[in-house]
Amino acid sequence: MADSPSTQSGQWASIVADYSADQAVFRISSNKAMMWLFLLSDIFVFGCFLTGYMAVRMTTTTPWPIPSEVFALTIGGQSIPLILIAIMTFILITSSGTMAMAVNAGYQRKRRLTALLMVITALFGLSFVGMQAFEWTKLIEEGVRPWGNESGAAQFGASFFMITGFHGLHVSIGVLYLLIVAAKVWRGNYERSGNYEIVEIAGLYWHFVDLVWVFIFAFFYLW
């Protein structure tokens, strides 16, 4: 026997009430969830790049450039291997520390300290990009190009400029992102609501960029 129209209406009303009263399974905001989804997609992109680099590196028959020689700097008449890369890595690791301090200060509602620490983090990122530009200039002067390499395998230039360039783009975007958020924090845009979650979201992005550099450092400069 079919249900009466009134019974069916009551069932639909019950279903609508159930969905409208639904609660989130995890205590996480939509903004933070979207940042995690973006970072997850970026993990796949960088993973594909680094996997392709490994495949090229292991299958090429042309001698691969020696990192300690290619990435050495001459200081005081002495060739020091990987000195610039070590400084760049130290800068990014330090910037992760200042970013973590900014997130902590934000949740304590220390507005000016939060903005200051974010600006310091952005300056670290800017110095990293500047050093990377210097490194690129040095390699180009030595004959390394995206389409060739005078001192070894041509794939070295292509993979190096593509992967480090993609990472450098992320750092540059991160610098702009941090400065914009820092300016809003300084102006007190989040003071009334007391919600500084945007600082944590920016921190997630920045820590991801730093983590990716660890893998790039290991693959390109230590292998």
C-alpha atoms as a PDB file:
ATOM      1  CA  MET A   1       0.000   0.000   0.000  1.00  0.00           C
ATOM      2  CA  ALA A   2       1.455   3.362  -1.046  1.00  0.00           C
ATOM      3  CA  ASP A   3       2.141   6.005   1.563  1.00  0.00           C
ATOM      4  CA  SER A   4      -0.214   8.936   1.690  1.00  0.00           C
ATOM      5  CA  PRO A   5       1.003  12.354   0.456  1.00  0.00           C
ATOM      6  CA  SER A   6       1.140  13.613   4.043  1.00  0.00           C
ATOM      7  CA  THR A   7       3.347  10.674   5.077  1.00  0.00           C
ATOM      8  CA  GLN A   8       5.732  11.226   2.144  1.00  0.00           C
ATOM      9  CA  SER A   9       5.916  14.935   2.971  1.00  0.00           C
ATOM     10  CA  GLY A  10       6.807  14.066   6.544  1.00  0.00           C
ATOM     11  CA  GLN A  11       9.570  11.708   5.375  1.00  0.00           C
ATOM     12  CA  TRP A  12      11.119  14.354   3.117  1.00  0.00           C
ATOM     13  CA  ALA A  13      10.920  16.901   5.925  1.00  0.00           C
ATOM     14  CA  SER A  14      12.772  14.443   8.172  1.00  0.00           C
ATOM     15  CA  ILE A  15      15.502  13.924   5.555  1.00  0.00           C
ATOM     16  CA  VAL A  16      15.923  17.675   5.031  1.00  0.00           C
ATOM     17  CA  ALA A  17      16.123  18.182   8.798  1.00  0.00           C
ATOM     18  CA  ASP A  18      18.816  15.501   9.067  1.00  0.00           C
ATOM     19  CA  TYR A  19      20.991  17.080   6.369  1.00  0.00           C
ATOM     20  CA  SER A  20      20.486  20.634   7.580  1.00  0.00           C
ATOM     21  CA  ALA A  21      21.569  19.613  11.072  1.00  0.00           C
ATOM     22  CA  ASP A  22      24.608  17.697   9.819  1.00  0.00           C
ATOM     23  CA  GLN A  23      27.883  18.497  11.577  1.00  0.00           C
ATOM     24  CA  ALA A  24      31.413  18.397  10.184  1.00  0.00           C
ATOM     25  CA  VAL A  25      33.216  15.143  10.929  1.00  0.00           C
ATOM     26  CA  PHE A  26      36.551  16.913  11.417  1.00  0.00           C
ATOM     27  CA  ARG A  27      37.006  20.216  13.224  1.00  0.00           C
ATOM     28  CA  ILE A  28      38.646  21.997  10.304  1.00  0.00           C
ATOM     29  CA  SER A  29      37.554  25.073   8.404  1.00  0.00           C
ATOM     30  CA  SER A  30      36.846  25.050   4.690  1.00  0.00           C
ATOM     31  CA  ASN A  31      39.762  27.448   4.052  1.00  0.00           C
ATOM     32  CA  LYS A  32      42.254  25.173   5.756  1.00  0.00           C
ATOM     33  CA  ALA A  33      40.809  22.116   4.012  1.00  0.00           C
ATOM     34  CA  MET A  34      41.191  23.802   0.614  1.00  0.00           C
ATOM     35  CA  MET A  35      44.818  24.645   1.382  1.00  0.00           C
ATOM     36  CA  TRP A  36      45.479  21.006   2.286  1.00  0.00           C
ATOM     37  CA  LEU A  37      43.863  19.899  -0.999  1.00  0.00           C
ATOM     38  CA  PHE A  38      46.009  22.369  -2.941  1.00  0.00           C
ATOM     39  CA  LEU A  39      49.165  21.149  -1.216  1.00  0.00           C
ATOM     40  CA  LEU A  40      48.189  17.546  -1.916  1.00  0.00           C
ATOM     41  CA  SER A  41      47.867  18.318  -5.632  1.00  0.00           C
ATOM     42  CA  ASP A  42      51.235  20.076  -5.537  1.00  0.00           C
ATOM     43  CA  ILE A  43      52.796  17.010  -3.928  1.00  0.00           C
ATOM     44  CA  PHE A  44      51.756  14.991  -6.976  1.00  0.00           C
ATOM     45  CA  VAL A  45      53.236  17.597  -9.341  1.00  0.00           C
ATOM     46  CA  PHE A  46      56.591  17.773  -7.578  1.00  0.00           C
ATOM     47  CA  GLY A  47      56.553  13.996  -7.177  1.00  0.00           C
ATOM     48  CA  CYS A  48      56.157  13.560 -10.937  1.00  0.00           C
ATOM     49  CA  PHE A  49      58.965  16.044 -11.616  1.00  0.00           C
ATOM     50  CA  LEU A  50      61.384  14.349  -9.233  1.00  0.00           C
ATOM     51  CA  THR A  51      60.437  10.882 -10.466  1.00  0.00           C
ATOM     52  CA  GLY A  52      61.107  12.009 -14.031  1.00  0.00           C
ATOM     53  CA  TYR A  53      64.460  13.441 -12.904  1.00  0.00           C
ATOM     54  CA  MET A  54      65.425  10.113 -11.329  1.00  0.00           C
ATOM     55  CA  ALA A  55      64.446   8.222 -14.480  1.00  0.00           C
ATOM     56  CA  VAL A  56      66.510  10.539 -16.693  1.00  0.00           C
ATOM     57  CA  ARG A  57      69.461  10.492 -14.321  1.00  0.00           C
ATOM     58  CA  MET A  58      69.596   6.690 -14.161  1.00  0.00           C
ATOM     59  CA  THR A  59      69.055   6.025 -17.867  1.00  0.00           C
ATOM     60  CA  THR A  60      71.255   8.633 -19.565  1.00  0.00           C
ATOM     61  CA  THR A  61      74.521   7.353 -20.997  1.00  0.00           C
ATOM     62  CA  THR A  62      76.180  10.771 -21.058  1.00  0.00           C
ATOM     63  CA  PRO A  63      78.263  11.634 -17.976  1.00  0.00           C
ATOM     64  CA  TRP A  64      76.241  13.566 -15.409  1.00  0.00           C
ATOM     65  CA  PRO A  65      77.798  16.761 -14.001  1.00  0.00           C
ATOM     66  CA  ILE A  66      79.340  16.378 -10.531  1.00  0.00           C
ATOM     67  CA  PRO A  67      77.330  18.576  -8.102  1.00  0.00           C
ATOM     68  CA  SER A  68      80.315  19.465  -5.908  1.00  0.00           C
ATOM     69  CA  GLU A  69      82.002  20.950  -8.979  1.00  0.00           C
ATOM     70  CA  VAL A  70      79.021  22.476 -10.771  1.00  0.00           C
ATOM     71  CA  PHE A  71      77.650  24.189  -7.666  1.00  0.00           C
ATOM     72  CA  ALA A  72      80.977  25.351  -6.217  1.00  0.00           C
ATOM     73  CA  LEU A  73      81.815  28.993  -5.571  1.00  0.00           C
ATOM     74  CA  THR A  74      85.273  30.536  -5.669  1.00  0.00           C
ATOM     75  CA  ILE A  75      85.832  32.608  -2.532  1.00  0.00           C
ATOM     76  CA  GLY A  76      89.252  34.023  -1.717  1.00  0.00           C
ATOM     77  CA  GLY A  77      90.834  31.985  -4.461  1.00  0.00           C
ATOM     78  CA  GLN A  78      89.433  28.744  -3.041  1.00  0.00           C
ATOM     79  CA  SER A  79      86.699  26.672  -4.680  1.00  0.00           C
ATOM     80  CA  ILE A  80      84.136  25.822  -1.984  1.00  0.00           C
ATOM     81  CA  PRO A  81      81.582  23.173  -3.021  1.00  0.00           C
ATOM     82  CA  LEU A  82      77.886  23.722  -2.290  1.00  0.00           C
ATOM     83  CA  ILE A  83      78.499  26.772  -0.089  1.00  0.00           C
ATOM     84  CA  LEU A  84      75.742  28.802  -1.734  1.00  0.00           C
ATOM     85  CA  ILE A  85      73.299  25.885  -1.547  1.00  0.00           C
ATOM     86  CA  ALA A  86      74.097  25.404   2.138  1.00  0.00           C
ATOM     87  CA  ILE A  87      73.305  29.067   2.821  1.00  0.00           C
ATOM     88  CA  MET A  88      70.066  28.855   0.825  1.00  0.00           C
ATOM     89  CA  THR A  89      69.010  25.755   2.757  1.00  0.00           C
ATOM     90  CA  PHE A  90      69.833  27.395   6.084  1.00  0.00           C
ATOM     91  CA  ILE A  91      67.753  30.431   5.115  1.00  0.00           C
ATOM     92  CA  LEU A  92      64.691  28.340   4.287  1.00  0.00           C
ATOM     93  CA  ILE A  93      64.977  26.251   7.458  1.00  0.00           C
ATOM     94  CA  THR A  94      65.284  29.446   9.510  1.00  0.00           C
ATOM     95  CA  SER A  95      62.258  30.903   7.739  1.00  0.00           C
ATOM     96  CA  SER A  96      60.216  27.880   8.818  1.00  0.00           C
ATOM     97  CA  GLY A  97      61.117  28.729  12.402  1.00  0.00           C
ATOM     98  CA  THR A  98      60.058  32.371  12.092  1.00  0.00           C
ATOM     99  CA  MET A  99      56.830  31.297  10.369  1.00  0.00           C
ATOM    100  CA  ALA A 100      56.020  28.888  13.205  1.00  0.00           C
ATOM    101  CA  MET A 101      56.643  31.706  15.681  1.00  0.00           C
ATOM    102  CA  ALA A 102      54.293  33.938  13.667  1.00  0.00           C
ATOM    103  CA  VAL A 103      51.519  31.334  13.846  1.00  0.00           C
ATOM    104  CA  ASN A 104      52.005  30.996  17.596  1.00  0.00           C
ATOM    105  CA  ALA A 105      51.953  34.783  18.054  1.00  0.00           C
ATOM    106  CA  GLY A 106      48.807  35.003  15.929  1.00  0.00           C
ATOM    107  CA  TYR A 107      46.882  32.601  18.133  1.00  0.00           C
ATOM    108  CA  GLN A 108      48.018  34.639  21.120  1.00  0.00           C
ATOM    109  CA  ARG A 109      46.554  37.688  19.323  1.00  0.00           C
ATOM    110  CA  LYS A 110      49.877  39.520  19.343  1.00  0.00           C
ATOM    111  CA  ARG A 111      49.075  41.456  16.215  1.00  0.00           C
ATOM    112  CA  ARG A 112      52.253  43.440  15.659  1.00  0.00           C
ATOM    113  CA  LEU A 113      54.598  40.585  16.548  1.00  0.00           C
ATOM    114  CA  THR A 114      52.730  38.309  14.158  1.00  0.00           C
ATOM    115  CA  ALA A 115      53.034  40.788  11.298  1.00  0.00           C
ATOM    116  CA  LEU A 116      56.707  41.415  12.047  1.00  0.00           C
ATOM    117  CA  LEU A 117      57.583  37.725  12.058  1.00  0.00           C
ATOM    118  CA  MET A 118      55.715  37.205   8.786  1.00  0.00           C
ATOM    119  CA  VAL A 119      57.638  40.059   7.173  1.00  0.00           C
ATOM    120  CA  ILE A 120      60.917  38.551   8.411  1.00  0.00           C
ATOM    121  CA  THR A 121      59.883  35.208   6.918  1.00  0.00           C
ATOM    122  CA  ALA A 122      59.083  36.906   3.609  1.00  0.00           C
ATOM    123  CA  LEU A 123      62.499  38.613   3.624  1.00  0.00           C
ATOM    124  CA  PHE A 124      64.159  35.237   4.116  1.00  0.00           C
ATOM    125  CA  GLY A 125      62.195  33.947   1.130  1.00  0.00           C
ATOM    126  CA  LEU A 126      63.162  36.965  -0.945  1.00  0.00           C
ATOM    127  CA  SER A 127      66.846  36.440  -0.166  1.00  0.00           C
ATOM    128  CA  PHE A 128      66.479  32.786  -1.169  1.00  0.00           C
ATOM    129  CA  VAL A 129      65.017  33.769  -4.548  1.00  0.00           C
ATOM    130  CA  GLY A 130      67.829  36.288  -5.036  1.00  0.00           C
ATOM    131  CA  MET A 131      70.461  33.633  -4.362  1.00  0.00           C
ATOM    132  CA  GLN A 132      68.707  31.264  -6.730  1.00  0.00           C
ATOM    133  CA  ALA A 133      68.797  33.933  -9.453  1.00  0.00           C
ATOM    134  CA  PHE A 134      72.529  34.313  -8.807  1.00  0.00           C
ATOM    135  CA  GLU A 135      72.964  30.537  -9.085  1.00  0.00           C
ATOM    136  CA  TRP A 136      71.059  30.461 -12.369  1.00  0.00           C
ATOM    137  CA  THR A 137      73.180  33.306 -13.769  1.00  0.00           C
ATOM    138  CA  LYS A 138      76.378  31.480 -12.827  1.00  0.00           C
ATOM    139  CA  LEU A 139      75.245  28.240 -14.494  1.00  0.00           C
ATOM    140  CA  ILE A 140      74.137  30.028 -17.657  1.00  0.00           C
ATOM    141  CA  GLU A 141      77.530  31.731 -17.901  1.00  0.00           C
ATOM    142  CA  GLU A 142      79.134  28.294 -17.608  1.00  0.00           C
ATOM    143  CA  GLY A 143      77.135  26.967 -20.560  1.00  0.00           C
ATOM    144  CA  VAL A 144      74.214  25.231 -18.842  1.00  0.00           C
ATOM    145  CA  ARG A 145      70.922  25.800 -20.674  1.00  0.00           C
ATOM    146  CA  PRO A 146      67.437  24.252 -20.480  1.00  0.00           C
ATOM    147  CA  TRP A 147      68.117  22.736 -23.914  1.00  0.00           C
ATOM    148  CA  GLY A 148      71.768  21.751 -23.442  1.00  0.00           C
ATOM    149  CA  ASN A 149      74.829  21.519 -21.260  1.00  0.00           C
ATOM    150  CA  GLU A 150      78.417  22.044 -22.339  1.00  0.00           C
ATOM    151  CA  SER A 151      79.858  20.055 -19.436  1.00  0.00           C
ATOM    152  CA  GLY A 152      77.784  16.877 -19.537  1.00  0.00           C
ATOM    153  CA  ALA A 153      74.305  15.464 -20.030  1.00  0.00           C
ATOM    154  CA  ALA A 154      71.900  17.859 -21.734  1.00  0.00           C
ATOM    155  CA  GLN A 155      69.055  16.587 -19.521  1.00  0.00           C
ATOM    156  CA  PHE A 156      70.769  18.127 -16.513  1.00  0.00           C
ATOM    157  CA  GLY A 157      69.981  21.678 -17.608  1.00  0.00           C
ATOM    158  CA  ALA A 158      66.399  20.888 -18.577  1.00  0.00           C
ATOM    159  CA  SER A 159      65.526  19.124 -15.322  1.00  0.00           C
ATOM    160  CA  PHE A 160      67.419  21.567 -13.120  1.00  0.00           C
ATOM    161  CA  PHE A 161      65.881  24.753 -14.509  1.00  0.00           C
ATOM    162  CA  MET A 162      62.392  23.261 -14.659  1.00  0.00           C
ATOM    163  CA  ILE A 163      62.268  21.895 -11.102  1.00  0.00           C
ATOM    164  CA  THR A 164      64.175  24.641  -9.299  1.00  0.00           C
ATOM    165  CA  GLY A 165      62.309  27.243 -11.340  1.00  0.00           C
ATOM    166  CA  PHE A 166      58.948  25.749 -10.392  1.00  0.00           C
ATOM    167  CA  HIS A 167      59.990  25.724  -6.744  1.00  0.00           C
ATOM    168  CA  GLY A 168      61.318  29.286  -7.012  1.00  0.00           C
ATOM    169  CA  LEU A 169      57.942  30.348  -8.402  1.00  0.00           C
ATOM    170  CA  HIS A 170      56.270  28.843  -5.338  1.00  0.00           C
ATOM    171  CA  VAL A 171      58.646  30.733  -3.044  1.00  0.00           C
ATOM    172  CA  SER A 172      57.997  34.002  -4.901  1.00  0.00           C
ATOM    173  CA  ILE A 173      54.233  33.527  -4.638  1.00  0.00           C
ATOM    174  CA  GLY A 174      54.673  32.661  -0.972  1.00  0.00           C
ATOM    175  CA  VAL A 175      56.590  35.888  -0.359  1.00  0.00           C
ATOM    176  CA  LEU A 176      53.745  37.951  -1.852  1.00  0.00           C
ATOM    177  CA  TYR A 177      51.177  35.925   0.070  1.00  0.00           C
ATOM    178  CA  LEU A 178      52.967  36.446   3.388  1.00  0.00           C
ATOM    179  CA  LEU A 179      53.382  40.179   2.813  1.00  0.00           C
ATOM    180  CA  ILE A 180      49.683  40.610   1.959  1.00  0.00           C
ATOM    181  CA  VAL A 181      48.568  38.682   5.041  1.00  0.00           C
ATOM    182  CA  ALA A 182      51.120  40.531   7.217  1.00  0.00           C
ATOM    183  CA  ALA A 183      49.747  43.877   6.006  1.00  0.00           C
ATOM    184  CA  LYS A 184      46.197  42.829   6.885  1.00  0.00           C
ATOM    185  CA  VAL A 185      47.317  41.589  10.302  1.00  0.00           C
ATOM    186  CA  TRP A 186      49.148  44.860  10.950  1.00  0.00           C
ATOM    187  CA  ARG A 187      46.049  46.882  10.017  1.00  0.00           C
ATOM    188  CA  GLY A 188      44.003  44.838  12.489  1.00  0.00           C
ATOM    189  CA  ASN A 189      41.689  43.189   9.958  1.00  0.00           C
ATOM    190  CA  TYR A 190      41.446  40.062  12.112  1.00  0.00           C
ATOM    191  CA  GLU A 191      41.533  41.786  15.499  1.00  0.00           C
ATOM    192  CA  ARG A 192      37.786  42.188  15.871  1.00  0.00           C
ATOM    193  CA  SER A 193      36.995  38.535  15.154  1.00  0.00           C
ATOM    194  CA  GLY A 194      40.113  37.302  16.935  1.00  0.00           C
ATOM    195  CA  ASN A 195      40.493  34.638  14.251  1.00  0.00           C
ATOM    196  CA  TYR A 196      44.085  34.436  13.016  1.00  0.00           C
ATOM    197  CA  GLU A 197      43.624  31.152  11.191  1.00  0.00           C
ATOM    198  CA  ILE A 198      44.763  32.803   7.944  1.00  0.00           C
ATOM    199  CA  VAL A 199      48.249  33.001   9.469  1.00  0.00           C
ATOM    200  CA  GLU A 200      48.259  29.259  10.088  1.00  0.00           C
ATOM    201  CA  ILE A 201      47.043  28.632   6.526  1.00  0.00           C
ATOM    202  CA  ALA A 202      49.884  30.774   5.162  1.00  0.00           C
ATOM    203  CA  GLY A 203      52.217  28.806   7.415  1.00  0.00           C
ATOM    204  CA  LEU A 204      51.035  25.518   5.917  1.00  0.00           C
ATOM    205  CA  TYR A 205      51.954  26.767   2.453  1.00  0.00           C
ATOM    206  CA  TRP A 206      55.349  28.051   3.573  1.00  0.00           C
ATOM    207  CA  HIS A 207      56.290  24.860   5.431  1.00  0.00           C
ATOM    208  CA  PHE A 208      55.346  22.863   2.337  1.00  0.00           C
ATOM    209  CA  VAL A 209      57.653  24.981   0.171  1.00  0.00           C
ATOM    210  CA  ASP A 210      60.476  24.423   2.656  1.00  0.00           C
ATOM    211  CA  LEU A 211      59.843  20.678   2.767  1.00  0.00           C
ATOM    212  CA  VAL A 212      59.943  20.388  -1.025  1.00  0.00           C
ATOM    213  CA  TRP A 213      63.319  22.124  -1.031  1.00  0.00           C
ATOM    214  CA  VAL A 214      64.714  19.366   1.216  1.00  0.00           C
ATOM    215  CA  PHE A 215      63.933  16.816  -1.496  1.00  0.00           C
ATOM    216  CA  ILE A 216      65.299  19.040  -4.270  1.00  0.00           C
ATOM    217  CA  PHE A 217      68.463  19.563  -2.219  1.00  0.00           C
ATOM    218  CA  ALA A 218      68.926  15.824  -1.783  1.00  0.00           C
ATOM    219  CA  PHE A 219      68.214  14.932  -5.422  1.00  0.00           C
ATOM    220  CA  PHE A 220      70.178  17.658  -7.195  1.00  0.00           C
ATOM    221  CA  TYR A 221      72.980  18.643  -4.866  1.00  0.00           C
ATOM    222  CA  LEU A 222      73.813  15.484  -2.921  1.00  0.00           C
ATOM    223  CA  TRP A 223      73.153  12.716  -5.462  1.00  0.00           C
END
